[in-house]
Amino acid sequence: VTDGCSGGLSYVWKLWLQAPTPWEDLCIEHDRCYWRGGTAQERLVADRILRDAVAARGYPVLSYILYAAVRLMGHPFLPFSWRWGYGWSYPRGYRG
């Protein structure tokens, strides 16, 4: 499952501009990686891919805000529905 781009930045974008974020499809792919889970290195790679792709779309400053948010709030030991490995029972942690 995916909610597209979750988080404060995306909610503000959608509320203010009444349109999906221009990187919504990138968030969906990022969600697939998070749903699957895996190693800490795989999470780092997924987060960097999202950051770099959002920057390539013309939003370099926002890409680093998103990157910081997913690094901080996506840890597998946090009890959020968007955590790393959310396709598995909580808590799962990193898996190799």
PDB file of N, CA and C in Angstrom:
ATOM      1  N   VAL A   1       0.847  -1.183   0.000  1.00  0.00           N
ATOM      2  CA  VAL A   1       0.000   0.000   0.000  1.00  0.00           C
ATOM      3  C   VAL A   1       0.882   1.233   0.000  1.00  0.00           C
ATOM      4  N   THR A   2       0.320   2.311  -0.478  1.00  0.00           N
ATOM      5  CA  THR A   2       1.039   3.577  -0.494  1.00  0.00           C
ATOM      6  C   THR A   2       0.061   4.717  -0.274  1.00  0.00           C
ATOM      7  N   ASP A   3       0.550   5.754   0.340  1.00  0.00           N
ATOM      8  CA  ASP A   3      -0.259   6.966   0.458  1.00  0.00           C
ATOM      9  C   ASP A   3       0.354   8.073  -0.387  1.00  0.00           C
ATOM     10  N   GLY A   4       1.186   7.660  -1.344  1.00  0.00           N
ATOM     11  CA  GLY A   4       1.860   8.663  -2.164  1.00  0.00           C
ATOM     12  C   GLY A   4       2.935   9.314  -1.328  1.00  0.00           C
ATOM     13  N   CYS A   5       2.887  10.601  -1.236  1.00  0.00           N
ATOM     14  CA  CYS A   5       3.869  11.330  -0.435  1.00  0.00           C
ATOM     15  C   CYS A   5       3.235  11.740   0.882  1.00  0.00           C
ATOM     16  N   SER A   6       3.603  11.048   1.933  1.00  0.00           N
ATOM     17  CA  SER A   6       3.091  11.410   3.248  1.00  0.00           C
ATOM     18  C   SER A   6       4.022  12.440   3.872  1.00  0.00           C
ATOM     19  N   GLY A   7       3.574  13.069   4.893  1.00  0.00           N
ATOM     20  CA  GLY A   7       4.416  14.011   5.619  1.00  0.00           C
ATOM     21  C   GLY A   7       4.001  15.453   5.438  1.00  0.00           C
ATOM     22  N   GLY A   8       4.530  16.279   6.318  1.00  0.00           N
ATOM     23  CA  GLY A   8       4.157  17.681   6.380  1.00  0.00           C
ATOM     24  C   GLY A   8       4.393  18.463   5.107  1.00  0.00           C
ATOM     25  N   LEU A   9       5.549  18.282   4.484  1.00  0.00           N
ATOM     26  CA  LEU A   9       5.868  19.035   3.279  1.00  0.00           C
ATOM     27  C   LEU A   9       4.868  18.746   2.169  1.00  0.00           C
ATOM     28  N   SER A  10       4.548  17.498   1.970  1.00  0.00           N
ATOM     29  CA  SER A  10       3.608  17.123   0.913  1.00  0.00           C
ATOM     30  C   SER A  10       2.192  17.588   1.231  1.00  0.00           C
ATOM     31  N   TYR A  11       1.801  17.502   2.505  1.00  0.00           N
ATOM     32  CA  TYR A  11       0.473  17.972   2.892  1.00  0.00           C
ATOM     33  C   TYR A  11       0.327  19.474   2.661  1.00  0.00           C
ATOM     34  N   VAL A  12       1.357  20.223   3.013  1.00  0.00           N
ATOM     35  CA  VAL A  12       1.316  21.671   2.792  1.00  0.00           C
ATOM     36  C   VAL A  12       1.240  21.973   1.298  1.00  0.00           C
ATOM     37  N   TRP A  13       2.038  21.267   0.506  1.00  0.00           N
ATOM     38  CA  TRP A  13       2.019  21.452  -0.954  1.00  0.00           C
ATOM     39  C   TRP A  13       0.615  21.231  -1.499  1.00  0.00           C
ATOM     40  N   LYS A  14       0.013  20.106  -1.115  1.00  0.00           N
ATOM     41  CA  LYS A  14      -1.317  19.750  -1.621  1.00  0.00           C
ATOM     42  C   LYS A  14      -2.388  20.726  -1.137  1.00  0.00           C
ATOM     43  N   LEU A  15      -2.282  21.161   0.100  1.00  0.00           N
ATOM     44  CA  LEU A  15      -3.253  22.100   0.649  1.00  0.00           C
ATOM     45  C   LEU A  15      -3.129  23.466  -0.011  1.00  0.00           C
ATOM     46  N   TRP A  16      -1.900  23.935  -0.136  1.00  0.00           N
ATOM     47  CA  TRP A  16      -1.660  25.273  -0.661  1.00  0.00           C
ATOM     48  C   TRP A  16      -1.893  25.344  -2.162  1.00  0.00           C
ATOM     49  N   LEU A  17      -1.381  24.382  -2.909  1.00  0.00           N
ATOM     50  CA  LEU A  17      -1.459  24.433  -4.375  1.00  0.00           C
ATOM     51  C   LEU A  17      -2.619  23.617  -4.953  1.00  0.00           C
ATOM     52  N   GLN A  18      -3.314  22.877  -4.107  1.00  0.00           N
ATOM     53  CA  GLN A  18      -4.449  22.066  -4.556  1.00  0.00           C
ATOM     54  C   GLN A  18      -4.053  21.134  -5.706  1.00  0.00           C
ATOM     55  N   ALA A  19      -2.875  20.539  -5.594  1.00  0.00           N
ATOM     56  CA  ALA A  19      -2.368  19.629  -6.631  1.00  0.00           C
ATOM     57  C   ALA A  19      -1.408  18.639  -5.973  1.00  0.00           C
ATOM     58  N   PRO A  20      -1.292  17.468  -6.564  1.00  0.00           N
ATOM     59  CA  PRO A  20      -0.309  16.509  -6.041  1.00  0.00           C
ATOM     60  C   PRO A  20       1.106  17.073  -6.199  1.00  0.00           C
ATOM     61  N   THR A  21       2.008  16.579  -5.389  1.00  0.00           N
ATOM     62  CA  THR A  21       3.398  17.007  -5.530  1.00  0.00           C
ATOM     63  C   THR A  21       3.948  16.504  -6.867  1.00  0.00           C
ATOM     64  N   PRO A  22       4.863  17.253  -7.467  1.00  0.00           N
ATOM     65  CA  PRO A  22       5.455  16.829  -8.746  1.00  0.00           C
ATOM     66  C   PRO A  22       6.345  15.593  -8.634  1.00  0.00           C
ATOM     67  N   TRP A  23       6.540  15.122  -7.438  1.00  0.00           N
ATOM     68  CA  TRP A  23       7.364  13.926  -7.225  1.00  0.00           C
ATOM     69  C   TRP A  23       6.539  12.782  -6.617  1.00  0.00           C
ATOM     70  N   GLU A  24       5.240  12.825  -6.785  1.00  0.00           N
ATOM     71  CA  GLU A  24       4.341  11.808  -6.205  1.00  0.00           C
ATOM     72  C   GLU A  24       4.722  10.391  -6.655  1.00  0.00           C
ATOM     73  N   ASP A  25       5.014  10.218  -7.934  1.00  0.00           N
ATOM     74  CA  ASP A  25       5.387   8.892  -8.435  1.00  0.00           C
ATOM     75  C   ASP A  25       6.682   8.390  -7.807  1.00  0.00           C
ATOM     76  N   LEU A  26       7.579   9.304  -7.489  1.00  0.00           N
ATOM     77  CA  LEU A  26       8.832   8.920  -6.835  1.00  0.00           C
ATOM     78  C   LEU A  26       8.567   8.431  -5.411  1.00  0.00           C
ATOM     79  N   CYS A  27       7.616   9.062  -4.745  1.00  0.00           N
ATOM     80  CA  CYS A  27       7.245   8.631  -3.396  1.00  0.00           C
ATOM     81  C   CYS A  27       6.621   7.241  -3.422  1.00  0.00           C
ATOM     82  N   ILE A  28       5.849   6.962  -4.446  1.00  0.00           N
ATOM     83  CA  ILE A  28       5.220   5.643  -4.557  1.00  0.00           C
ATOM     84  C   ILE A  28       6.285   4.560  -4.693  1.00  0.00           C
ATOM     85  N   GLU A  29       7.288   4.812  -5.516  1.00  0.00           N
ATOM     86  CA  GLU A  29       8.385   3.850  -5.646  1.00  0.00           C
ATOM     87  C   GLU A  29       9.163   3.733  -4.331  1.00  0.00           C
ATOM     88  N   HIS A  30       9.360   4.843  -3.655  1.00  0.00           N
ATOM     89  CA  HIS A  30      10.040   4.852  -2.350  1.00  0.00           C
ATOM     90  C   HIS A  30       9.234   4.037  -1.343  1.00  0.00           C
ATOM     91  N   ASP A  31       7.906   4.179  -1.367  1.00  0.00           N
ATOM     92  CA  ASP A  31       7.041   3.389  -0.487  1.00  0.00           C
ATOM     93  C   ASP A  31       7.193   1.894  -0.740  1.00  0.00           C
ATOM     94  N   ARG A  32       7.365   1.507  -1.991  1.00  0.00           N
ATOM     95  CA  ARG A  32       7.561   0.078  -2.298  1.00  0.00           C
ATOM     96  C   ARG A  32       8.814  -0.446  -1.605  1.00  0.00           C
ATOM     97  N   CYS A  33       9.864   0.348  -1.638  1.00  0.00           N
ATOM     98  CA  CYS A  33      11.105  -0.050  -0.961  1.00  0.00           C
ATOM     99  C   CYS A  33      10.887  -0.145   0.539  1.00  0.00           C
ATOM    100  N   TYR A  34      10.176   0.820   1.099  1.00  0.00           N
ATOM    101  CA  TYR A  34       9.927   0.825   2.547  1.00  0.00           C
ATOM    102  C   TYR A  34       9.021  -0.330   2.956  1.00  0.00           C
ATOM    103  N   TRP A  35       8.052  -0.642   2.153  1.00  0.00           N
ATOM    104  CA  TRP A  35       7.154  -1.758   2.455  1.00  0.00           C
ATOM    105  C   TRP A  35       7.945  -3.068   2.539  1.00  0.00           C
ATOM    106  N   ARG A  36       8.831  -3.263   1.565  1.00  0.00           N
ATOM    107  CA  ARG A  36       9.641  -4.484   1.515  1.00  0.00           C
ATOM    108  C   ARG A  36      10.598  -4.580   2.685  1.00  0.00           C
ATOM    109  N   GLY A  37      11.192  -3.446   3.050  1.00  0.00           N
ATOM    110  CA  GLY A  37      12.197  -3.465   4.103  1.00  0.00           C
ATOM    111  C   GLY A  37      13.499  -4.059   3.609  1.00  0.00           C
ATOM    112  N   GLY A  38      14.345  -4.423   4.515  1.00  0.00           N
ATOM    113  CA  GLY A  38      15.645  -4.984   4.161  1.00  0.00           C
ATOM    114  C   GLY A  38      16.723  -4.456   5.084  1.00  0.00           C
ATOM    115  N   THR A  39      17.902  -4.267   4.535  1.00  0.00           N
ATOM    116  CA  THR A  39      19.050  -3.847   5.327  1.00  0.00           C
ATOM    117  C   THR A  39      19.076  -2.327   5.507  1.00  0.00           C
ATOM    118  N   ALA A  40      19.903  -1.890   6.443  1.00  0.00           N
ATOM    119  CA  ALA A  40      20.099  -0.452   6.648  1.00  0.00           C
ATOM    120  C   ALA A  40      20.686   0.189   5.388  1.00  0.00           C
ATOM    121  N   GLN A  41      21.557  -0.522   4.716  1.00  0.00           N
ATOM    122  CA  GLN A  41      22.161  -0.011   3.475  1.00  0.00           C
ATOM    123  C   GLN A  41      21.103   0.146   2.381  1.00  0.00           C
ATOM    124  N   GLU A  42      20.180  -0.801   2.270  1.00  0.00           N
ATOM    125  CA  GLU A  42      19.111  -0.692   1.269  1.00  0.00           C
ATOM    126  C   GLU A  42      18.206   0.509   1.556  1.00  0.00           C
ATOM    127  N   ARG A  43      17.960   0.779   2.822  1.00  0.00           N
ATOM    128  CA  ARG A  43      17.161   1.956   3.179  1.00  0.00           C
ATOM    129  C   ARG A  43      17.895   3.235   2.793  1.00  0.00           C
ATOM    130  N   LEU A  44      19.178   3.302   3.093  1.00  0.00           N
ATOM    131  CA  LEU A  44      19.969   4.473   2.739  1.00  0.00           C
ATOM    132  C   LEU A  44      19.942   4.710   1.226  1.00  0.00           C
ATOM    133  N   VAL A  45      20.087   3.652   0.453  1.00  0.00           N
ATOM    134  CA  VAL A  45      20.052   3.770  -1.002  1.00  0.00           C
ATOM    135  C   VAL A  45      18.678   4.265  -1.466  1.00  0.00           C
ATOM    136  N   ALA A  46      17.592   3.702  -0.923  1.00  0.00           N
ATOM    137  CA  ALA A  46      16.242   4.132  -1.301  1.00  0.00           C
ATOM    138  C   ALA A  46      16.029   5.606  -0.996  1.00  0.00           C
ATOM    139  N   ASP A  47      16.501   6.052   0.155  1.00  0.00           N
ATOM    140  CA  ASP A  47      16.341   7.452   0.544  1.00  0.00           C
ATOM    141  C   ASP A  47      17.169   8.381  -0.340  1.00  0.00           C
ATOM    142  N   ARG A  48      18.353   7.955  -0.700  1.00  0.00           N
ATOM    143  CA  ARG A  48      19.199   8.774  -1.580  1.00  0.00           C
ATOM    144  C   ARG A  48      18.616   8.835  -2.991  1.00  0.00           C
ATOM    145  N   ILE A  49      18.046   7.739  -3.461  1.00  0.00           N
ATOM    146  CA  ILE A  49      17.412   7.742  -4.781  1.00  0.00           C
ATOM    147  C   ILE A  49      16.266   8.746  -4.807  1.00  0.00           C
ATOM    148  N   LEU A  50      15.437   8.734  -3.768  1.00  0.00           N
ATOM    149  CA  LEU A  50      14.339   9.699  -3.684  1.00  0.00           C
ATOM    150  C   LEU A  50      14.888  11.120  -3.680  1.00  0.00           C
ATOM    151  N   ARG A  51      15.867  11.390  -2.839  1.00  0.00           N
ATOM    152  CA  ARG A  51      16.466  12.729  -2.757  1.00  0.00           C
ATOM    153  C   ARG A  51      16.987  13.197  -4.111  1.00  0.00           C
ATOM    154  N   ASP A  52      17.754  12.352  -4.774  1.00  0.00           N
ATOM    155  CA  ASP A  52      18.369  12.736  -6.040  1.00  0.00           C
ATOM    156  C   ASP A  52      17.342  12.914  -7.147  1.00  0.00           C
ATOM    157  N   ALA A  53      16.306  12.090  -7.147  1.00  0.00           N
ATOM    158  CA  ALA A  53      15.278  12.179  -8.181  1.00  0.00           C
ATOM    159  C   ALA A  53      14.421  13.432  -8.007  1.00  0.00           C
ATOM    160  N   VAL A  54      14.102  13.787  -6.770  1.00  0.00           N
ATOM    161  CA  VAL A  54      13.339  15.012  -6.521  1.00  0.00           C
ATOM    162  C   VAL A  54      14.178  16.221  -6.925  1.00  0.00           C
ATOM    163  N   ALA A  55      15.449  16.206  -6.625  1.00  0.00           N
ATOM    164  CA  ALA A  55      16.341  17.294  -7.034  1.00  0.00           C
ATOM    165  C   ALA A  55      16.406  17.398  -8.559  1.00  0.00           C
ATOM    166  N   ALA A  56      16.455  16.251  -9.222  1.00  0.00           N
ATOM    167  CA  ALA A  56      16.516  16.240 -10.695  1.00  0.00           C
ATOM    168  C   ALA A  56      15.247  16.800 -11.326  1.00  0.00           C
ATOM    169  N   ARG A  57      14.157  16.753 -10.601  1.00  0.00           N
ATOM    170  CA  ARG A  57      12.900  17.333 -11.098  1.00  0.00           C
ATOM    171  C   ARG A  57      12.845  18.846 -10.892  1.00  0.00           C
ATOM    172  N   GLY A  58      13.880  19.389 -10.295  1.00  0.00           N
ATOM    173  CA  GLY A  58      13.945  20.828 -10.133  1.00  0.00           C
ATOM    174  C   GLY A  58      13.658  21.344  -8.738  1.00  0.00           C
ATOM    175  N   TYR A  59      13.721  20.478  -7.742  1.00  0.00           N
ATOM    176  CA  TYR A  59      13.429  20.857  -6.358  1.00  0.00           C
ATOM    177  C   TYR A  59      14.581  20.463  -5.439  1.00  0.00           C
ATOM    178  N   PRO A  60      15.767  21.018  -5.658  1.00  0.00           N
ATOM    179  CA  PRO A  60      16.928  20.570  -4.866  1.00  0.00           C
ATOM    180  C   PRO A  60      16.814  20.856  -3.378  1.00  0.00           C
ATOM    181  N   VAL A  61      16.289  22.005  -2.998  1.00  0.00           N
ATOM    182  CA  VAL A  61      16.163  22.317  -1.568  1.00  0.00           C
ATOM    183  C   VAL A  61      15.137  21.396  -0.916  1.00  0.00           C
ATOM    184  N   LEU A  62      13.991  21.236  -1.571  1.00  0.00           N
ATOM    185  CA  LEU A  62      12.959  20.352  -1.026  1.00  0.00           C
ATOM    186  C   LEU A  62      13.439  18.904  -0.958  1.00  0.00           C
ATOM    187  N   SER A  63      14.305  18.516  -1.891  1.00  0.00           N
ATOM    188  CA  SER A  63      14.804  17.136  -1.883  1.00  0.00           C
ATOM    189  C   SER A  63      15.575  16.838  -0.600  1.00  0.00           C
ATOM    190  N   TYR A  64      16.315  17.800  -0.098  1.00  0.00           N
ATOM    191  CA  TYR A  64      17.066  17.581   1.131  1.00  0.00           C
ATOM    192  C   TYR A  64      16.173  17.625   2.362  1.00  0.00           C
ATOM    193  N   ILE A  65      15.091  18.396   2.299  1.00  0.00           N
ATOM    194  CA  ILE A  65      14.118  18.387   3.394  1.00  0.00           C
ATOM    195  C   ILE A  65      13.433  17.023   3.451  1.00  0.00           C
ATOM    196  N   LEU A  66      13.030  16.510   2.289  1.00  0.00           N
ATOM    197  CA  LEU A  66      12.424  15.175   2.235  1.00  0.00           C
ATOM    198  C   LEU A  66      13.403  14.116   2.732  1.00  0.00           C
ATOM    199  N   TYR A  67      14.642  14.227   2.291  1.00  0.00           N
ATOM    200  CA  TYR A  67      15.668  13.261   2.688  1.00  0.00           C
ATOM    201  C   TYR A  67      15.840  13.254   4.207  1.00  0.00           C
ATOM    202  N   ALA A  68      15.936  14.420   4.790  1.00  0.00           N
ATOM    203  CA  ALA A  68      16.084  14.505   6.248  1.00  0.00           C
ATOM    204  C   ALA A  68      14.873  13.898   6.955  1.00  0.00           C
ATOM    205  N   ALA A  69      13.684  14.161   6.418  1.00  0.00           N
ATOM    206  CA  ALA A  69      12.456  13.639   7.034  1.00  0.00           C
ATOM    207  C   ALA A  69      12.404  12.118   6.981  1.00  0.00           C
ATOM    208  N   VAL A  70      12.719  11.524   5.832  1.00  0.00           N
ATOM    209  CA  VAL A  70      12.640  10.062   5.743  1.00  0.00           C
ATOM    210  C   VAL A  70      13.754   9.394   6.540  1.00  0.00           C
ATOM    211  N   ARG A  71      14.910  10.041   6.617  1.00  0.00           N
ATOM    212  CA  ARG A  71      15.986   9.466   7.427  1.00  0.00           C
ATOM    213  C   ARG A  71      15.609   9.487   8.906  1.00  0.00           C
ATOM    214  N   LEU A  72      14.997  10.563   9.339  1.00  0.00           N
ATOM    215  CA  LEU A  72      14.642  10.705  10.749  1.00  0.00           C
ATOM    216  C   LEU A  72      13.401   9.905  11.121  1.00  0.00           C
ATOM    217  N   MET A  73      12.359  10.005  10.322  1.00  0.00           N
ATOM    218  CA  MET A  73      11.054   9.453  10.702  1.00  0.00           C
ATOM    219  C   MET A  73      10.763   8.059  10.135  1.00  0.00           C
ATOM    220  N   GLY A  74      11.628   7.523   9.292  1.00  0.00           N
ATOM    221  CA  GLY A  74      11.364   6.232   8.677  1.00  0.00           C
ATOM    222  C   GLY A  74      12.087   5.056   9.309  1.00  0.00           C
ATOM    223  N   HIS A  75      12.695   5.274  10.458  1.00  0.00           N
ATOM    224  CA  HIS A  75      13.455   4.212  11.116  1.00  0.00           C
ATOM    225  C   HIS A  75      12.534   3.028  11.427  1.00  0.00           C
ATOM    226  N   PRO A  76      13.019   1.790  11.253  1.00  0.00           N
ATOM    227  CA  PRO A  76      12.158   0.626  11.455  1.00  0.00           C
ATOM    228  C   PRO A  76      11.664   0.415  12.887  1.00  0.00           C
ATOM    229  N   PHE A  77      12.305   1.026  13.858  1.00  0.00           N
ATOM    230  CA  PHE A  77      11.868   0.835  15.243  1.00  0.00           C
ATOM    231  C   PHE A  77      10.859   1.878  15.704  1.00  0.00           C
ATOM    232  N   LEU A  78      10.533   2.825  14.828  1.00  0.00           N
ATOM    233  CA  LEU A  78       9.473   3.775  15.147  1.00  0.00           C
ATOM    234  C   LEU A  78       8.135   3.143  14.789  1.00  0.00           C
ATOM    235  N   PRO A  79       7.106   3.341  15.597  1.00  0.00           N
ATOM    236  CA  PRO A  79       5.838   2.628  15.387  1.00  0.00           C
ATOM    237  C   PRO A  79       4.906   3.279  14.362  1.00  0.00           C
ATOM    238  N   PHE A  80       5.472   3.857  13.311  1.00  0.00           N
ATOM    239  CA  PHE A  80       4.652   4.554  12.325  1.00  0.00           C
ATOM    240  C   PHE A  80       4.280   3.635  11.168  1.00  0.00           C
ATOM    241  N   SER A  81       3.185   3.934  10.527  1.00  0.00           N
ATOM    242  CA  SER A  81       2.719   3.117   9.399  1.00  0.00           C
ATOM    243  C   SER A  81       3.617   3.264   8.177  1.00  0.00           C
ATOM    244  N   TRP A  82       4.495   4.241   8.154  1.00  0.00           N
ATOM    245  CA  TRP A  82       5.368   4.458   7.010  1.00  0.00           C
ATOM    246  C   TRP A  82       6.815   4.048   7.297  1.00  0.00           C
ATOM    247  N   ARG A  83       7.067   3.356   8.383  1.00  0.00           N
ATOM    248  CA  ARG A  83       8.436   2.987   8.757  1.00  0.00           C
ATOM    249  C   ARG A  83       9.038   2.002   7.751  1.00  0.00           C
ATOM    250  N   TRP A  84      10.337   1.867   7.795  1.00  0.00           N
ATOM    251  CA  TRP A  84      11.056   0.892   6.976  1.00  0.00           C
ATOM    252  C   TRP A  84      10.565  -0.503   7.342  1.00  0.00           C
ATOM    253  N   GLY A  85      10.118  -1.262   6.351  1.00  0.00           N
ATOM    254  CA  GLY A  85       9.623  -2.614   6.576  1.00  0.00           C
ATOM    255  C   GLY A  85       8.188  -2.663   7.056  1.00  0.00           C
ATOM    256  N   TYR A  86       7.374  -1.646   6.683  1.00  0.00           N
ATOM    257  CA  TYR A  86       6.002  -1.622   7.205  1.00  0.00           C
ATOM    258  C   TYR A  86       5.117  -2.721   6.635  1.00  0.00           C
ATOM    259  N   GLY A  87       5.596  -3.493   5.686  1.00  0.00           N
ATOM    260  CA  GLY A  87       4.846  -4.641   5.189  1.00  0.00           C
ATOM    261  C   GLY A  87       4.934  -5.850   6.108  1.00  0.00           C
ATOM    262  N   TRP A  88       5.698  -5.723   7.174  1.00  0.00           N
ATOM    263  CA  TRP A  88       5.906  -6.797   8.131  1.00  0.00           C
ATOM    264  C   TRP A  88       5.354  -6.389   9.492  1.00  0.00           C
ATOM    265  N   SER A  89       5.198  -7.347  10.367  1.00  0.00           N
ATOM    266  CA  SER A  89       4.726  -7.057  11.718  1.00  0.00           C
ATOM    267  C   SER A  89       5.735  -6.185  12.450  1.00  0.00           C
ATOM    268  N   TYR A  90       5.235  -5.284  13.281  1.00  0.00           N
ATOM    269  CA  TYR A  90       6.083  -4.417  14.088  1.00  0.00           C
ATOM    270  C   TYR A  90       6.414  -5.126  15.406  1.00  0.00           C
ATOM    271  N   PRO A  91       7.586  -5.021  15.918  1.00  0.00           N
ATOM    272  CA  PRO A  91       8.784  -4.429  15.319  1.00  0.00           C
ATOM    273  C   PRO A  91       9.520  -5.465  14.486  1.00  0.00           C
ATOM    274  N   ARG A  92      10.133  -5.037  13.438  1.00  0.00           N
ATOM    275  CA  ARG A  92      10.870  -5.939  12.572  1.00  0.00           C
ATOM    276  C   ARG A  92      12.361  -5.606  12.541  1.00  0.00           C
ATOM    277  N   GLY A  93      12.695  -4.346  12.463  1.00  0.00           N
ATOM    278  CA  GLY A  93      14.099  -3.962  12.384  1.00  0.00           C
ATOM    279  C   GLY A  93      14.653  -4.164  10.982  1.00  0.00           C
ATOM    280  N   TYR A  94      15.950  -4.036  10.870  1.00  0.00           N
ATOM    281  CA  TYR A  94      16.615  -4.243   9.575  1.00  0.00           C
ATOM    282  C   TYR A  94      16.836  -5.733   9.359  1.00  0.00           C
ATOM    283  N   ARG A  95      16.695  -6.165   8.129  1.00  0.00           N
ATOM    284  CA  ARG A  95      16.909  -7.575   7.777  1.00  0.00           C
ATOM    285  C   ARG A  95      17.820  -7.674   6.567  1.00  0.00           C
ATOM    286  N   GLY A  96      18.666  -8.659   6.569  1.00  0.00           N
ATOM    287  CA  GLY A  96      19.601  -8.825   5.458  1.00  0.00           C
ATOM    288  C   GLY A  96      19.336 -10.026   4.627  1.00  0.00           C
TER     289      GLY A  96
END
